[in-house]
Amino acid sequence: MRIDVITLFPELFAAHLRTSLLGRAVAAGVIEVEVHDLRAHGLGAHRSVDDTTYGGGAGMVMRPKPIFEAVEAVAEPEAHVVLLSARGARLHQRALERLASRSRLILICGRYEGVDERVALHLADEELSIGDYVLAGGELPALVVIEGVSRLLRGVLGNADSLGLESHSGGLLEYPQYTRPAVYRGWAVPEVLLSGDHGAVERWRVEEAERITRLRRPDLLE
């Protein structure tokens, strides 16, 4: 898979793309990420990419021309264009699975007060948000999408079976996990996990996943 990122701050991506599972996936060629500086398509001597908003109001709005040109410079017919936006549909595991099935993604990172609406209407295939809050820009959401998608690709995780056991993969939050020692500061690992009874362990995990989901995210059960 190839992912192109359109951003005003390409330096924010370098360390993350070299680190841990994602870094190894990039090094192995499982995923290719190219980060493009939007100012290369800015207007005038100062490479301007923003302007005041029509109708008045606080803040600056990102111009459509630099964004359209930046995307068109790297776009191919199969590319799926995503605008990272606080007003976008909330990102969830099903959306990551859908994006991971694509061969090409282009991620547009907004900044300032927002992006000219014509980008959303006529350039982006969809808008995504990583949560109900506002950030300074779309760079961190873009990194969330890149990491969330990349770990679904074959060859990225050492044990692909773990994907099906994670929170949100089966509609529930993940059950509790324990490791050595069996007792730490007086807190003991549940006996069932030490029993060697695989059927009992599996039942406990299902019950705990349902309990935690009901407690923390009842909306998932609905």
N, C-alpha and C. Protein backbone atom coordinates (compact mmCIF):
# COMPACT_ATOMS: atom_id res chain seq x y z
N MET A 1 0.84 -1.19 0.00
CA MET A 1 0.00 0.00 0.00
C MET A 1 0.87 1.24 0.00
N ARG A 2 0.41 2.28 -0.72
CA ARG A 2 1.10 3.56 -0.69
C ARG A 2 0.16 4.61 -0.09
N ILE A 3 0.72 5.43 0.80
CA ILE A 3 -0.02 6.53 1.40
C ILE A 3 0.75 7.82 1.14
N ASP A 4 0.07 8.80 0.56
CA ASP A 4 0.64 10.14 0.38
C ASP A 4 -0.02 11.08 1.38
N VAL A 5 0.78 11.91 2.03
CA VAL A 5 0.28 12.85 3.03
C VAL A 5 0.56 14.26 2.55
N ILE A 6 -0.47 15.09 2.54
CA ILE A 6 -0.34 16.50 2.17
C ILE A 6 -0.41 17.32 3.46
N THR A 7 0.66 18.04 3.78
CA THR A 7 0.75 18.72 5.08
C THR A 7 1.61 19.97 4.99
N LEU A 8 1.40 20.87 5.92
CA LEU A 8 2.26 22.04 6.07
C LEU A 8 3.46 21.74 6.95
N PHE A 9 3.44 20.60 7.64
CA PHE A 9 4.50 20.29 8.59
C PHE A 9 5.01 18.86 8.37
N PRO A 10 5.71 18.62 7.28
CA PRO A 10 6.20 17.26 6.98
C PRO A 10 7.15 16.72 8.03
N GLU A 11 7.81 17.62 8.77
CA GLU A 11 8.80 17.16 9.76
C GLU A 11 8.13 16.41 10.92
N LEU A 12 6.83 16.56 11.09
CA LEU A 12 6.14 15.87 12.18
C LEU A 12 6.04 14.36 11.97
N PHE A 13 6.28 13.90 10.77
CA PHE A 13 6.05 12.49 10.44
C PHE A 13 7.31 11.63 10.50
N ALA A 14 8.47 12.23 10.39
CA ALA A 14 9.70 11.46 10.19
C ALA A 14 9.95 10.44 11.29
N ALA A 15 9.93 10.86 12.55
CA ALA A 15 10.26 9.95 13.65
C ALA A 15 9.27 8.80 13.74
N HIS A 16 8.00 9.09 13.59
CA HIS A 16 6.98 8.05 13.72
C HIS A 16 7.12 7.00 12.63
N LEU A 17 7.47 7.43 11.45
CA LEU A 17 7.58 6.49 10.32
C LEU A 17 8.84 5.64 10.39
N ARG A 18 9.73 5.93 11.34
CA ARG A 18 10.96 5.14 11.50
C ARG A 18 10.91 4.22 12.71
N THR A 19 9.80 4.24 13.46
CA THR A 19 9.76 3.63 14.78
C THR A 19 8.87 2.40 14.84
N SER A 20 9.29 1.41 15.60
CA SER A 20 8.50 0.24 15.99
C SER A 20 7.94 -0.50 14.78
N LEU A 21 6.71 -1.04 14.92
CA LEU A 21 6.11 -1.85 13.86
C LEU A 21 6.00 -1.09 12.56
N LEU A 22 5.59 0.18 12.65
CA LEU A 22 5.42 0.98 11.45
C LEU A 22 6.75 1.20 10.75
N GLY A 23 7.78 1.47 11.51
CA GLY A 23 9.10 1.65 10.92
C GLY A 23 9.57 0.40 10.21
N ARG A 24 9.32 -0.76 10.81
CA ARG A 24 9.73 -2.01 10.18
C ARG A 24 8.90 -2.29 8.92
N ALA A 25 7.62 -1.94 8.96
CA ALA A 25 6.77 -2.14 7.79
C ALA A 25 7.22 -1.26 6.63
N VAL A 26 7.61 -0.03 6.93
CA VAL A 26 8.12 0.87 5.90
C VAL A 26 9.44 0.34 5.35
N ALA A 27 10.33 -0.09 6.25
CA ALA A 27 11.64 -0.59 5.83
C ALA A 27 11.50 -1.85 4.97
N ALA A 28 10.49 -2.67 5.27
CA ALA A 28 10.29 -3.92 4.52
C ALA A 28 9.51 -3.71 3.24
N GLY A 29 9.00 -2.51 3.02
CA GLY A 29 8.26 -2.23 1.80
C GLY A 29 6.81 -2.68 1.83
N VAL A 30 6.31 -3.08 3.01
CA VAL A 30 4.90 -3.46 3.12
C VAL A 30 4.01 -2.25 2.90
N ILE A 31 4.47 -1.12 3.40
CA ILE A 31 3.74 0.13 3.22
C ILE A 31 4.74 1.21 2.82
N GLU A 32 4.34 2.06 1.91
CA GLU A 32 5.17 3.18 1.45
C GLU A 32 4.44 4.47 1.79
N VAL A 33 5.11 5.35 2.52
CA VAL A 33 4.51 6.62 2.92
C VAL A 33 5.36 7.76 2.38
N GLU A 34 4.74 8.63 1.60
CA GLU A 34 5.41 9.82 1.08
C GLU A 34 4.72 11.06 1.65
N VAL A 35 5.50 11.94 2.24
CA VAL A 35 4.97 13.14 2.87
C VAL A 35 5.33 14.34 2.00
N HIS A 36 4.34 15.15 1.64
CA HIS A 36 4.53 16.26 0.70
C HIS A 36 4.22 17.59 1.39
N ASP A 37 5.12 18.54 1.19
CA ASP A 37 4.97 19.88 1.77
C ASP A 37 3.98 20.69 0.94
N LEU A 38 2.88 21.05 1.54
CA LEU A 38 1.85 21.81 0.82
C LEU A 38 2.38 23.15 0.32
N ARG A 39 3.36 23.71 1.01
CA ARG A 39 3.86 25.03 0.60
C ARG A 39 4.56 24.99 -0.75
N ALA A 40 4.92 23.83 -1.22
CA ALA A 40 5.49 23.72 -2.56
C ALA A 40 4.49 24.16 -3.61
N HIS A 41 3.22 24.18 -3.26
CA HIS A 41 2.17 24.62 -4.18
C HIS A 41 1.53 25.92 -3.71
N GLY A 42 2.19 26.62 -2.76
CA GLY A 42 1.67 27.88 -2.25
C GLY A 42 1.73 28.98 -3.30
N LEU A 43 1.01 30.06 -3.03
CA LEU A 43 0.89 31.17 -3.97
C LEU A 43 1.86 32.29 -3.64
N GLY A 44 2.46 32.87 -4.66
CA GLY A 44 3.29 34.04 -4.50
C GLY A 44 4.66 33.75 -3.90
N ALA A 45 5.38 34.81 -3.64
CA ALA A 45 6.75 34.69 -3.14
C ALA A 45 6.80 34.05 -1.77
N HIS A 46 5.73 34.23 -0.99
CA HIS A 46 5.71 33.70 0.37
C HIS A 46 5.04 32.33 0.45
N ARG A 47 4.70 31.76 -0.70
CA ARG A 47 4.07 30.43 -0.73
C ARG A 47 2.83 30.38 0.16
N SER A 48 1.98 31.35 0.00
CA SER A 48 0.79 31.45 0.85
C SER A 48 -0.18 30.31 0.56
N VAL A 49 -0.75 29.75 1.63
CA VAL A 49 -1.71 28.66 1.47
C VAL A 49 -3.04 28.97 2.15
N ASP A 50 -3.18 30.16 2.74
CA ASP A 50 -4.40 30.49 3.46
C ASP A 50 -4.83 31.92 3.16
N ASP A 51 -6.07 32.24 3.54
CA ASP A 51 -6.60 33.58 3.32
C ASP A 51 -7.77 33.79 4.28
N THR A 52 -8.25 35.03 4.35
CA THR A 52 -9.39 35.33 5.22
C THR A 52 -10.66 34.67 4.67
N THR A 53 -11.60 34.44 5.54
CA THR A 53 -12.81 33.73 5.16
C THR A 53 -13.86 34.66 4.57
N TYR A 54 -14.51 34.26 3.50
CA TYR A 54 -15.64 35.02 2.96
C TYR A 54 -16.76 35.07 3.99
N GLY A 55 -17.41 36.24 4.10
CA GLY A 55 -18.49 36.40 5.06
C GLY A 55 -18.03 36.88 6.41
N GLY A 56 -16.71 37.00 6.59
CA GLY A 56 -16.18 37.48 7.85
C GLY A 56 -16.07 36.38 8.88
N GLY A 57 -15.32 36.63 9.91
CA GLY A 57 -15.13 35.64 10.97
C GLY A 57 -13.67 35.51 11.35
N ALA A 58 -13.44 34.88 12.49
CA ALA A 58 -12.08 34.74 13.01
C ALA A 58 -11.32 33.66 12.26
N GLY A 59 -10.01 33.82 12.23
CA GLY A 59 -9.15 32.79 11.69
C GLY A 59 -9.00 32.83 10.18
N MET A 60 -8.05 32.02 9.72
CA MET A 60 -7.75 31.92 8.31
C MET A 60 -8.19 30.57 7.78
N VAL A 61 -8.50 30.54 6.49
CA VAL A 61 -8.98 29.32 5.85
C VAL A 61 -7.97 28.91 4.79
N MET A 62 -7.71 27.60 4.69
CA MET A 62 -6.76 27.10 3.70
C MET A 62 -7.36 27.21 2.30
N ARG A 63 -6.59 27.76 1.38
CA ARG A 63 -7.04 27.96 0.00
C ARG A 63 -7.23 26.63 -0.73
N PRO A 64 -8.14 26.59 -1.68
CA PRO A 64 -8.33 25.34 -2.43
C PRO A 64 -7.22 25.05 -3.43
N LYS A 65 -6.69 26.07 -4.09
CA LYS A 65 -5.75 25.85 -5.19
C LYS A 65 -4.51 25.04 -4.78
N PRO A 66 -3.80 25.41 -3.71
CA PRO A 66 -2.62 24.61 -3.35
C PRO A 66 -2.96 23.16 -3.02
N ILE A 67 -4.11 22.94 -2.38
CA ILE A 67 -4.48 21.58 -1.99
C ILE A 67 -4.84 20.75 -3.22
N PHE A 68 -5.64 21.31 -4.11
CA PHE A 68 -5.99 20.60 -5.34
C PHE A 68 -4.73 20.24 -6.13
N GLU A 69 -3.81 21.20 -6.27
CA GLU A 69 -2.60 20.96 -7.05
C GLU A 69 -1.70 19.91 -6.38
N ALA A 70 -1.62 19.96 -5.04
CA ALA A 70 -0.78 19.00 -4.33
C ALA A 70 -1.32 17.58 -4.48
N VAL A 71 -2.64 17.43 -4.38
CA VAL A 71 -3.25 16.10 -4.54
C VAL A 71 -3.12 15.62 -5.98
N GLU A 72 -3.42 16.50 -6.92
CA GLU A 72 -3.37 16.11 -8.34
C GLU A 72 -1.96 15.74 -8.78
N ALA A 73 -0.94 16.28 -8.10
CA ALA A 73 0.45 15.97 -8.47
C ALA A 73 0.82 14.53 -8.13
N VAL A 74 0.10 13.91 -7.20
CA VAL A 74 0.45 12.54 -6.79
C VAL A 74 -0.69 11.55 -7.02
N ALA A 75 -1.86 12.04 -7.39
CA ALA A 75 -3.04 11.17 -7.48
C ALA A 75 -2.96 10.24 -8.68
N GLU A 76 -3.48 9.05 -8.47
CA GLU A 76 -3.70 8.07 -9.53
C GLU A 76 -5.16 7.66 -9.47
N PRO A 77 -5.69 7.04 -10.54
CA PRO A 77 -7.12 6.73 -10.57
C PRO A 77 -7.63 5.96 -9.36
N GLU A 78 -6.79 5.06 -8.82
CA GLU A 78 -7.26 4.23 -7.71
C GLU A 78 -7.10 4.89 -6.34
N ALA A 79 -6.52 6.08 -6.30
CA ALA A 79 -6.26 6.74 -5.03
C ALA A 79 -7.56 7.18 -4.35
N HIS A 80 -7.63 6.92 -3.05
CA HIS A 80 -8.77 7.31 -2.23
C HIS A 80 -8.33 8.49 -1.38
N VAL A 81 -9.01 9.63 -1.51
CA VAL A 81 -8.58 10.87 -0.87
C VAL A 81 -9.38 11.11 0.41
N VAL A 82 -8.66 11.30 1.51
CA VAL A 82 -9.29 11.50 2.82
C VAL A 82 -8.88 12.86 3.36
N LEU A 83 -9.86 13.67 3.74
CA LEU A 83 -9.62 14.94 4.40
C LEU A 83 -9.78 14.72 5.90
N LEU A 84 -8.72 14.97 6.68
CA LEU A 84 -8.80 14.86 8.13
C LEU A 84 -9.41 16.14 8.67
N SER A 85 -10.56 16.01 9.32
CA SER A 85 -11.34 17.17 9.70
C SER A 85 -12.11 16.89 10.99
N ALA A 86 -12.20 17.90 11.86
CA ALA A 86 -12.93 17.73 13.12
C ALA A 86 -14.41 17.45 12.89
N ARG A 87 -14.93 17.81 11.75
CA ARG A 87 -16.35 17.59 11.48
C ARG A 87 -16.60 16.29 10.70
N GLY A 88 -15.54 15.55 10.45
CA GLY A 88 -15.68 14.33 9.66
C GLY A 88 -16.36 13.21 10.43
N ALA A 89 -16.68 12.14 9.73
CA ALA A 89 -17.22 10.95 10.38
C ALA A 89 -16.17 10.38 11.32
N ARG A 90 -16.62 9.87 12.46
CA ARG A 90 -15.68 9.39 13.46
C ARG A 90 -14.99 8.11 12.98
N LEU A 91 -13.67 8.11 13.10
CA LEU A 91 -12.88 6.95 12.71
C LEU A 91 -13.13 5.80 13.67
N HIS A 92 -13.33 4.60 13.14
CA HIS A 92 -13.49 3.40 13.96
C HIS A 92 -12.81 2.23 13.25
N GLN A 93 -12.79 1.09 13.89
CA GLN A 93 -12.04 -0.05 13.36
C GLN A 93 -12.56 -0.50 12.00
N ARG A 94 -13.88 -0.46 11.80
CA ARG A 94 -14.43 -0.86 10.50
C ARG A 94 -13.93 0.06 9.39
N ALA A 95 -13.80 1.35 9.70
CA ALA A 95 -13.30 2.30 8.70
C ALA A 95 -11.84 2.01 8.38
N LEU A 96 -11.05 1.67 9.41
CA LEU A 96 -9.65 1.33 9.16
C LEU A 96 -9.54 0.09 8.28
N GLU A 97 -10.39 -0.90 8.52
CA GLU A 97 -10.38 -2.10 7.70
C GLU A 97 -10.74 -1.77 6.25
N ARG A 98 -11.70 -0.88 6.09
CA ARG A 98 -12.09 -0.46 4.73
C ARG A 98 -10.94 0.26 4.04
N LEU A 99 -10.27 1.16 4.75
CA LEU A 99 -9.15 1.89 4.15
C LEU A 99 -7.98 0.95 3.85
N ALA A 100 -7.79 -0.05 4.69
CA ALA A 100 -6.67 -0.98 4.49
C ALA A 100 -6.86 -1.83 3.23
N SER A 101 -8.08 -1.90 2.73
CA SER A 101 -8.32 -2.67 1.51
C SER A 101 -7.94 -1.89 0.25
N ARG A 102 -7.62 -0.61 0.41
CA ARG A 102 -7.23 0.23 -0.73
C ARG A 102 -5.75 0.05 -1.04
N SER A 103 -5.38 0.29 -2.28
CA SER A 103 -3.97 0.22 -2.64
C SER A 103 -3.28 1.58 -2.52
N ARG A 104 -4.06 2.67 -2.61
CA ARG A 104 -3.50 4.02 -2.51
C ARG A 104 -4.41 4.89 -1.66
N LEU A 105 -3.82 5.60 -0.71
CA LEU A 105 -4.53 6.60 0.08
C LEU A 105 -3.81 7.93 -0.03
N ILE A 106 -4.58 9.01 -0.05
CA ILE A 106 -4.02 10.36 0.05
C ILE A 106 -4.70 11.03 1.23
N LEU A 107 -3.90 11.46 2.19
CA LEU A 107 -4.41 12.09 3.41
C LEU A 107 -4.11 13.59 3.38
N ILE A 108 -5.15 14.40 3.49
CA ILE A 108 -5.01 15.85 3.50
C ILE A 108 -5.11 16.34 4.95
N CYS A 109 -4.07 17.02 5.42
CA CYS A 109 -4.04 17.54 6.79
C CYS A 109 -4.46 19.01 6.79
N GLY A 110 -5.59 19.29 7.38
CA GLY A 110 -6.04 20.67 7.49
C GLY A 110 -5.27 21.43 8.56
N ARG A 111 -5.39 22.74 8.54
CA ARG A 111 -4.80 23.62 9.55
C ARG A 111 -5.65 24.88 9.63
N TYR A 112 -5.26 25.77 10.53
CA TYR A 112 -5.92 27.06 10.71
C TYR A 112 -7.40 26.87 11.07
N GLU A 113 -8.25 27.75 10.57
CA GLU A 113 -9.67 27.68 10.92
C GLU A 113 -10.39 26.57 10.16
N GLY A 114 -9.78 26.10 9.10
CA GLY A 114 -10.41 25.05 8.33
C GLY A 114 -9.93 25.07 6.89
N VAL A 115 -10.59 24.27 6.06
CA VAL A 115 -10.23 24.11 4.65
C VAL A 115 -11.39 24.57 3.79
N ASP A 116 -11.09 25.24 2.69
CA ASP A 116 -12.13 25.68 1.76
C ASP A 116 -13.07 24.51 1.43
N GLU A 117 -14.36 24.75 1.51
CA GLU A 117 -15.36 23.70 1.36
C GLU A 117 -15.26 22.97 0.03
N ARG A 118 -14.73 23.61 -0.98
CA ARG A 118 -14.63 22.96 -2.29
C ARG A 118 -13.67 21.76 -2.28
N VAL A 119 -12.76 21.74 -1.32
CA VAL A 119 -11.90 20.57 -1.16
C VAL A 119 -12.72 19.37 -0.71
N ALA A 120 -13.60 19.59 0.26
CA ALA A 120 -14.46 18.51 0.75
C ALA A 120 -15.46 18.07 -0.30
N LEU A 121 -16.00 19.03 -1.05
CA LEU A 121 -17.06 18.71 -2.02
C LEU A 121 -16.54 18.07 -3.30
N HIS A 122 -15.38 18.49 -3.76
CA HIS A 122 -14.96 18.11 -5.11
C HIS A 122 -13.60 17.41 -5.20
N LEU A 123 -12.91 17.25 -4.09
CA LEU A 123 -11.59 16.61 -4.13
C LEU A 123 -11.54 15.39 -3.21
N ALA A 124 -11.97 15.54 -1.98
CA ALA A 124 -11.91 14.44 -1.02
C ALA A 124 -13.03 13.44 -1.27
N ASP A 125 -12.71 12.17 -1.07
CA ASP A 125 -13.73 11.12 -1.15
C ASP A 125 -14.49 11.00 0.17
N GLU A 126 -13.85 11.40 1.26
CA GLU A 126 -14.53 11.38 2.55
C GLU A 126 -13.76 12.25 3.54
N GLU A 127 -14.45 12.63 4.61
CA GLU A 127 -13.84 13.35 5.73
C GLU A 127 -13.87 12.45 6.95
N LEU A 128 -12.76 12.40 7.68
CA LEU A 128 -12.67 11.58 8.88
C LEU A 128 -12.16 12.40 10.06
N SER A 129 -12.68 12.08 11.23
CA SER A 129 -12.25 12.68 12.48
C SER A 129 -11.85 11.57 13.43
N ILE A 130 -10.83 11.80 14.27
CA ILE A 130 -10.43 10.76 15.21
C ILE A 130 -11.13 10.91 16.55
N GLY A 131 -11.98 11.90 16.72
CA GLY A 131 -12.70 12.05 17.98
C GLY A 131 -13.44 13.37 18.06
N ASP A 132 -14.26 13.48 19.09
CA ASP A 132 -15.09 14.67 19.26
C ASP A 132 -14.33 15.76 20.01
N TYR A 133 -13.29 16.26 19.39
CA TYR A 133 -12.49 17.34 19.94
C TYR A 133 -11.75 18.00 18.79
N VAL A 134 -11.14 19.14 19.05
CA VAL A 134 -10.46 19.90 18.00
C VAL A 134 -8.97 19.96 18.28
N LEU A 135 -8.18 19.64 17.26
CA LEU A 135 -6.73 19.73 17.34
C LEU A 135 -6.24 20.89 16.48
N ALA A 136 -4.96 21.18 16.57
CA ALA A 136 -4.40 22.29 15.79
C ALA A 136 -4.37 21.98 14.30
N GLY A 137 -4.35 20.69 13.94
CA GLY A 137 -4.28 20.34 12.54
C GLY A 137 -4.51 18.85 12.34
N GLY A 138 -4.40 18.42 11.10
CA GLY A 138 -4.70 17.04 10.76
C GLY A 138 -3.52 16.10 10.79
N GLU A 139 -2.36 16.57 11.25
CA GLU A 139 -1.17 15.71 11.21
C GLU A 139 -1.27 14.53 12.18
N LEU A 140 -1.66 14.77 13.42
CA LEU A 140 -1.82 13.67 14.36
C LEU A 140 -2.92 12.70 13.90
N PRO A 141 -4.08 13.18 13.45
CA PRO A 141 -5.06 12.24 12.89
C PRO A 141 -4.52 11.44 11.71
N ALA A 142 -3.71 12.05 10.87
CA ALA A 142 -3.13 11.32 9.74
C ALA A 142 -2.23 10.20 10.23
N LEU A 143 -1.43 10.47 11.28
CA LEU A 143 -0.58 9.43 11.84
C LEU A 143 -1.41 8.31 12.46
N VAL A 144 -2.53 8.67 13.07
CA VAL A 144 -3.42 7.64 13.62
C VAL A 144 -3.95 6.74 12.50
N VAL A 145 -4.36 7.35 11.40
CA VAL A 145 -4.86 6.56 10.27
C VAL A 145 -3.75 5.67 9.71
N ILE A 146 -2.55 6.21 9.53
CA ILE A 146 -1.44 5.43 8.97
C ILE A 146 -1.12 4.23 9.85
N GLU A 147 -1.02 4.45 11.16
CA GLU A 147 -0.70 3.33 12.04
C GLU A 147 -1.84 2.33 12.12
N GLY A 148 -3.08 2.84 12.22
CA GLY A 148 -4.22 1.94 12.31
C GLY A 148 -4.40 1.09 11.07
N VAL A 149 -4.13 1.66 9.90
CA VAL A 149 -4.25 0.92 8.65
C VAL A 149 -3.08 -0.04 8.48
N SER A 150 -1.87 0.42 8.76
CA SER A 150 -0.69 -0.39 8.47
C SER A 150 -0.68 -1.68 9.26
N ARG A 151 -1.14 -1.66 10.50
CA ARG A 151 -1.08 -2.88 11.32
C ARG A 151 -2.10 -3.93 10.88
N LEU A 152 -3.00 -3.54 9.97
CA LEU A 152 -3.95 -4.50 9.40
C LEU A 152 -3.39 -5.18 8.15
N LEU A 153 -2.26 -4.69 7.65
CA LEU A 153 -1.70 -5.24 6.42
C LEU A 153 -0.90 -6.50 6.71
N ARG A 154 -0.97 -7.44 5.81
CA ARG A 154 -0.26 -8.70 5.97
C ARG A 154 1.25 -8.46 6.08
N GLY A 155 1.86 -9.05 7.08
CA GLY A 155 3.30 -8.95 7.25
C GLY A 155 3.75 -7.89 8.22
N VAL A 156 2.81 -7.08 8.76
CA VAL A 156 3.20 -6.02 9.69
C VAL A 156 3.28 -6.54 11.11
N LEU A 157 2.24 -7.24 11.57
CA LEU A 157 2.25 -7.81 12.91
C LEU A 157 2.93 -9.17 12.90
N GLY A 158 3.67 -9.46 13.97
CA GLY A 158 4.32 -10.75 14.07
C GLY A 158 3.31 -11.88 14.20
N ASN A 159 2.21 -11.63 14.92
CA ASN A 159 1.16 -12.63 15.10
C ASN A 159 -0.15 -12.04 14.61
N ALA A 160 -0.53 -12.36 13.40
CA ALA A 160 -1.74 -11.79 12.80
C ALA A 160 -2.99 -12.22 13.54
N ASP A 161 -2.95 -13.36 14.27
CA ASP A 161 -4.14 -13.82 14.99
C ASP A 161 -4.56 -12.84 16.07
N SER A 162 -3.63 -12.03 16.57
CA SER A 162 -3.96 -11.09 17.64
C SER A 162 -4.93 -10.01 17.19
N LEU A 163 -5.02 -9.78 15.88
CA LEU A 163 -5.94 -8.76 15.38
C LEU A 163 -7.38 -9.07 15.76
N GLY A 164 -7.75 -10.34 15.70
CA GLY A 164 -9.13 -10.70 15.99
C GLY A 164 -9.47 -10.66 17.46
N LEU A 165 -8.48 -10.49 18.34
CA LEU A 165 -8.72 -10.50 19.78
C LEU A 165 -8.68 -9.11 20.39
N GLU A 166 -8.43 -8.09 19.59
CA GLU A 166 -8.25 -6.74 20.11
C GLU A 166 -9.59 -6.05 20.33
N SER A 167 -9.53 -4.97 21.11
CA SER A 167 -10.71 -4.13 21.30
C SER A 167 -11.23 -3.67 19.94
N HIS A 168 -12.55 -3.68 19.78
CA HIS A 168 -13.28 -3.20 18.60
C HIS A 168 -13.27 -4.17 17.43
N SER A 169 -12.35 -5.14 17.43
CA SER A 169 -12.30 -6.04 16.28
C SER A 169 -13.54 -6.92 16.19
N GLY A 170 -14.08 -7.33 17.34
CA GLY A 170 -15.26 -8.18 17.33
C GLY A 170 -16.50 -7.49 17.86
N GLY A 171 -16.47 -6.17 17.96
CA GLY A 171 -17.61 -5.43 18.47
C GLY A 171 -17.59 -5.20 19.96
N LEU A 172 -16.60 -5.77 20.65
CA LEU A 172 -16.48 -5.59 22.10
C LEU A 172 -15.09 -5.03 22.43
N LEU A 173 -14.97 -4.46 23.64
CA LEU A 173 -13.65 -4.08 24.12
C LEU A 173 -12.90 -5.34 24.56
N GLU A 174 -11.60 -5.25 24.57
CA GLU A 174 -10.79 -6.43 24.86
C GLU A 174 -10.88 -6.82 26.33
N TYR A 175 -10.81 -8.11 26.60
CA TYR A 175 -10.80 -8.63 27.97
C TYR A 175 -9.48 -8.27 28.66
N PRO A 176 -9.42 -8.37 30.01
CA PRO A 176 -8.18 -8.04 30.73
C PRO A 176 -7.06 -9.01 30.40
N GLN A 177 -5.84 -8.50 30.43
CA GLN A 177 -4.65 -9.31 30.17
C GLN A 177 -3.75 -9.28 31.41
N TYR A 178 -3.11 -10.41 31.71
CA TYR A 178 -2.19 -10.51 32.83
C TYR A 178 -0.92 -11.22 32.40
N THR A 179 0.19 -10.97 33.11
CA THR A 179 1.44 -11.71 32.91
C THR A 179 2.12 -11.89 34.25
N ARG A 180 3.31 -12.47 34.28
CA ARG A 180 4.02 -12.73 35.53
C ARG A 180 4.38 -11.43 36.25
N PRO A 181 4.41 -11.47 37.58
CA PRO A 181 4.19 -12.61 38.48
C PRO A 181 2.71 -12.87 38.73
N ALA A 182 2.40 -14.03 39.25
CA ALA A 182 1.00 -14.39 39.50
C ALA A 182 0.40 -13.54 40.62
N VAL A 183 1.25 -13.08 41.54
CA VAL A 183 0.80 -12.18 42.61
C VAL A 183 1.78 -11.00 42.65
N TYR A 184 1.25 -9.80 42.62
CA TYR A 184 2.09 -8.60 42.68
C TYR A 184 1.45 -7.63 43.67
N ARG A 185 2.21 -7.30 44.73
CA ARG A 185 1.75 -6.40 45.79
C ARG A 185 0.40 -6.85 46.37
N GLY A 186 0.22 -8.13 46.42
CA GLY A 186 -1.00 -8.68 47.00
C GLY A 186 -2.13 -8.85 46.01
N TRP A 187 -1.96 -8.39 44.77
CA TRP A 187 -3.01 -8.52 43.75
C TRP A 187 -2.73 -9.75 42.91
N ALA A 188 -3.66 -10.68 42.91
CA ALA A 188 -3.45 -11.96 42.25
C ALA A 188 -4.12 -12.00 40.89
N VAL A 189 -3.52 -12.75 40.00
CA VAL A 189 -4.11 -13.04 38.70
C VAL A 189 -5.35 -13.92 38.94
N PRO A 190 -6.46 -13.70 38.23
CA PRO A 190 -7.63 -14.57 38.40
C PRO A 190 -7.28 -16.04 38.27
N GLU A 191 -7.81 -16.85 39.17
CA GLU A 191 -7.47 -18.26 39.23
C GLU A 191 -7.73 -18.99 37.91
N VAL A 192 -8.80 -18.59 37.23
CA VAL A 192 -9.17 -19.29 36.01
C VAL A 192 -8.05 -19.26 34.96
N LEU A 193 -7.27 -18.17 34.96
CA LEU A 193 -6.19 -18.05 33.98
C LEU A 193 -5.01 -18.95 34.30
N LEU A 194 -4.97 -19.46 35.54
CA LEU A 194 -3.89 -20.36 35.95
C LEU A 194 -4.34 -21.82 35.96
N SER A 195 -5.60 -22.04 35.59
CA SER A 195 -6.18 -23.37 35.74
C SER A 195 -5.76 -24.36 34.66
N GLY A 196 -5.37 -23.87 33.49
CA GLY A 196 -5.06 -24.75 32.38
C GLY A 196 -6.29 -25.24 31.65
N ASP A 197 -7.48 -24.82 32.08
CA ASP A 197 -8.74 -25.19 31.45
C ASP A 197 -9.03 -24.18 30.34
N HIS A 198 -8.73 -24.52 29.11
CA HIS A 198 -8.84 -23.56 28.00
C HIS A 198 -10.29 -23.15 27.76
N GLY A 199 -11.22 -24.05 27.94
CA GLY A 199 -12.63 -23.72 27.77
C GLY A 199 -13.09 -22.71 28.80
N ALA A 200 -12.67 -22.92 30.06
CA ALA A 200 -13.03 -21.98 31.13
C ALA A 200 -12.38 -20.62 30.90
N VAL A 201 -11.14 -20.63 30.43
CA VAL A 201 -10.45 -19.37 30.13
C VAL A 201 -11.19 -18.60 29.04
N GLU A 202 -11.61 -19.29 27.98
CA GLU A 202 -12.31 -18.64 26.89
C GLU A 202 -13.64 -18.06 27.36
N ARG A 203 -14.37 -18.80 28.19
CA ARG A 203 -15.64 -18.28 28.72
C ARG A 203 -15.41 -17.05 29.57
N TRP A 204 -14.37 -17.09 30.40
CA TRP A 204 -14.05 -15.94 31.25
C TRP A 204 -13.73 -14.71 30.40
N ARG A 205 -12.97 -14.91 29.34
CA ARG A 205 -12.59 -13.79 28.49
C ARG A 205 -13.81 -13.17 27.81
N VAL A 206 -14.72 -14.00 27.34
CA VAL A 206 -15.94 -13.47 26.71
C VAL A 206 -16.76 -12.69 27.73
N GLU A 207 -16.93 -13.25 28.93
CA GLU A 207 -17.71 -12.58 29.98
C GLU A 207 -17.07 -11.26 30.38
N GLU A 208 -15.74 -11.25 30.50
CA GLU A 208 -15.05 -10.02 30.87
C GLU A 208 -15.12 -8.97 29.76
N ALA A 209 -15.01 -9.41 28.53
CA ALA A 209 -15.14 -8.46 27.42
C ALA A 209 -16.52 -7.81 27.42
N GLU A 210 -17.55 -8.60 27.65
CA GLU A 210 -18.91 -8.06 27.70
C GLU A 210 -19.08 -7.13 28.91
N ARG A 211 -18.51 -7.51 30.06
CA ARG A 211 -18.63 -6.68 31.26
C ARG A 211 -17.95 -5.33 31.07
N ILE A 212 -16.74 -5.34 30.53
CA ILE A 212 -16.01 -4.08 30.35
C ILE A 212 -16.68 -3.21 29.30
N THR A 213 -17.18 -3.83 28.24
CA THR A 213 -17.88 -3.07 27.20
C THR A 213 -19.15 -2.44 27.77
N ARG A 214 -19.89 -3.20 28.57
CA ARG A 214 -21.12 -2.68 29.17
C ARG A 214 -20.82 -1.52 30.12
N LEU A 215 -19.69 -1.62 30.81
CA LEU A 215 -19.31 -0.59 31.78
C LEU A 215 -18.80 0.67 31.10
N ARG A 216 -17.95 0.52 30.07
CA ARG A 216 -17.25 1.67 29.51
C ARG A 216 -17.83 2.16 28.19
N ARG A 217 -18.36 1.25 27.37
CA ARG A 217 -18.88 1.64 26.07
C ARG A 217 -20.20 0.92 25.78
N PRO A 218 -21.25 1.21 26.56
CA PRO A 218 -22.53 0.53 26.31
C PRO A 218 -23.09 0.77 24.92
N ASP A 219 -22.65 1.86 24.29
CA ASP A 219 -23.14 2.16 22.93
C ASP A 219 -22.72 1.07 21.94
N LEU A 220 -21.59 0.38 22.20
CA LEU A 220 -21.17 -0.68 21.31
C LEU A 220 -22.11 -1.88 21.38
N LEU A 221 -22.68 -2.13 22.55
CA LEU A 221 -23.62 -3.23 22.69
C LEU A 221 -24.94 -2.92 22.00
N GLU A 222 -25.30 -1.65 21.97
CA GLU A 222 -26.54 -1.26 21.29
C GLU A 222 -26.46 -1.49 19.79
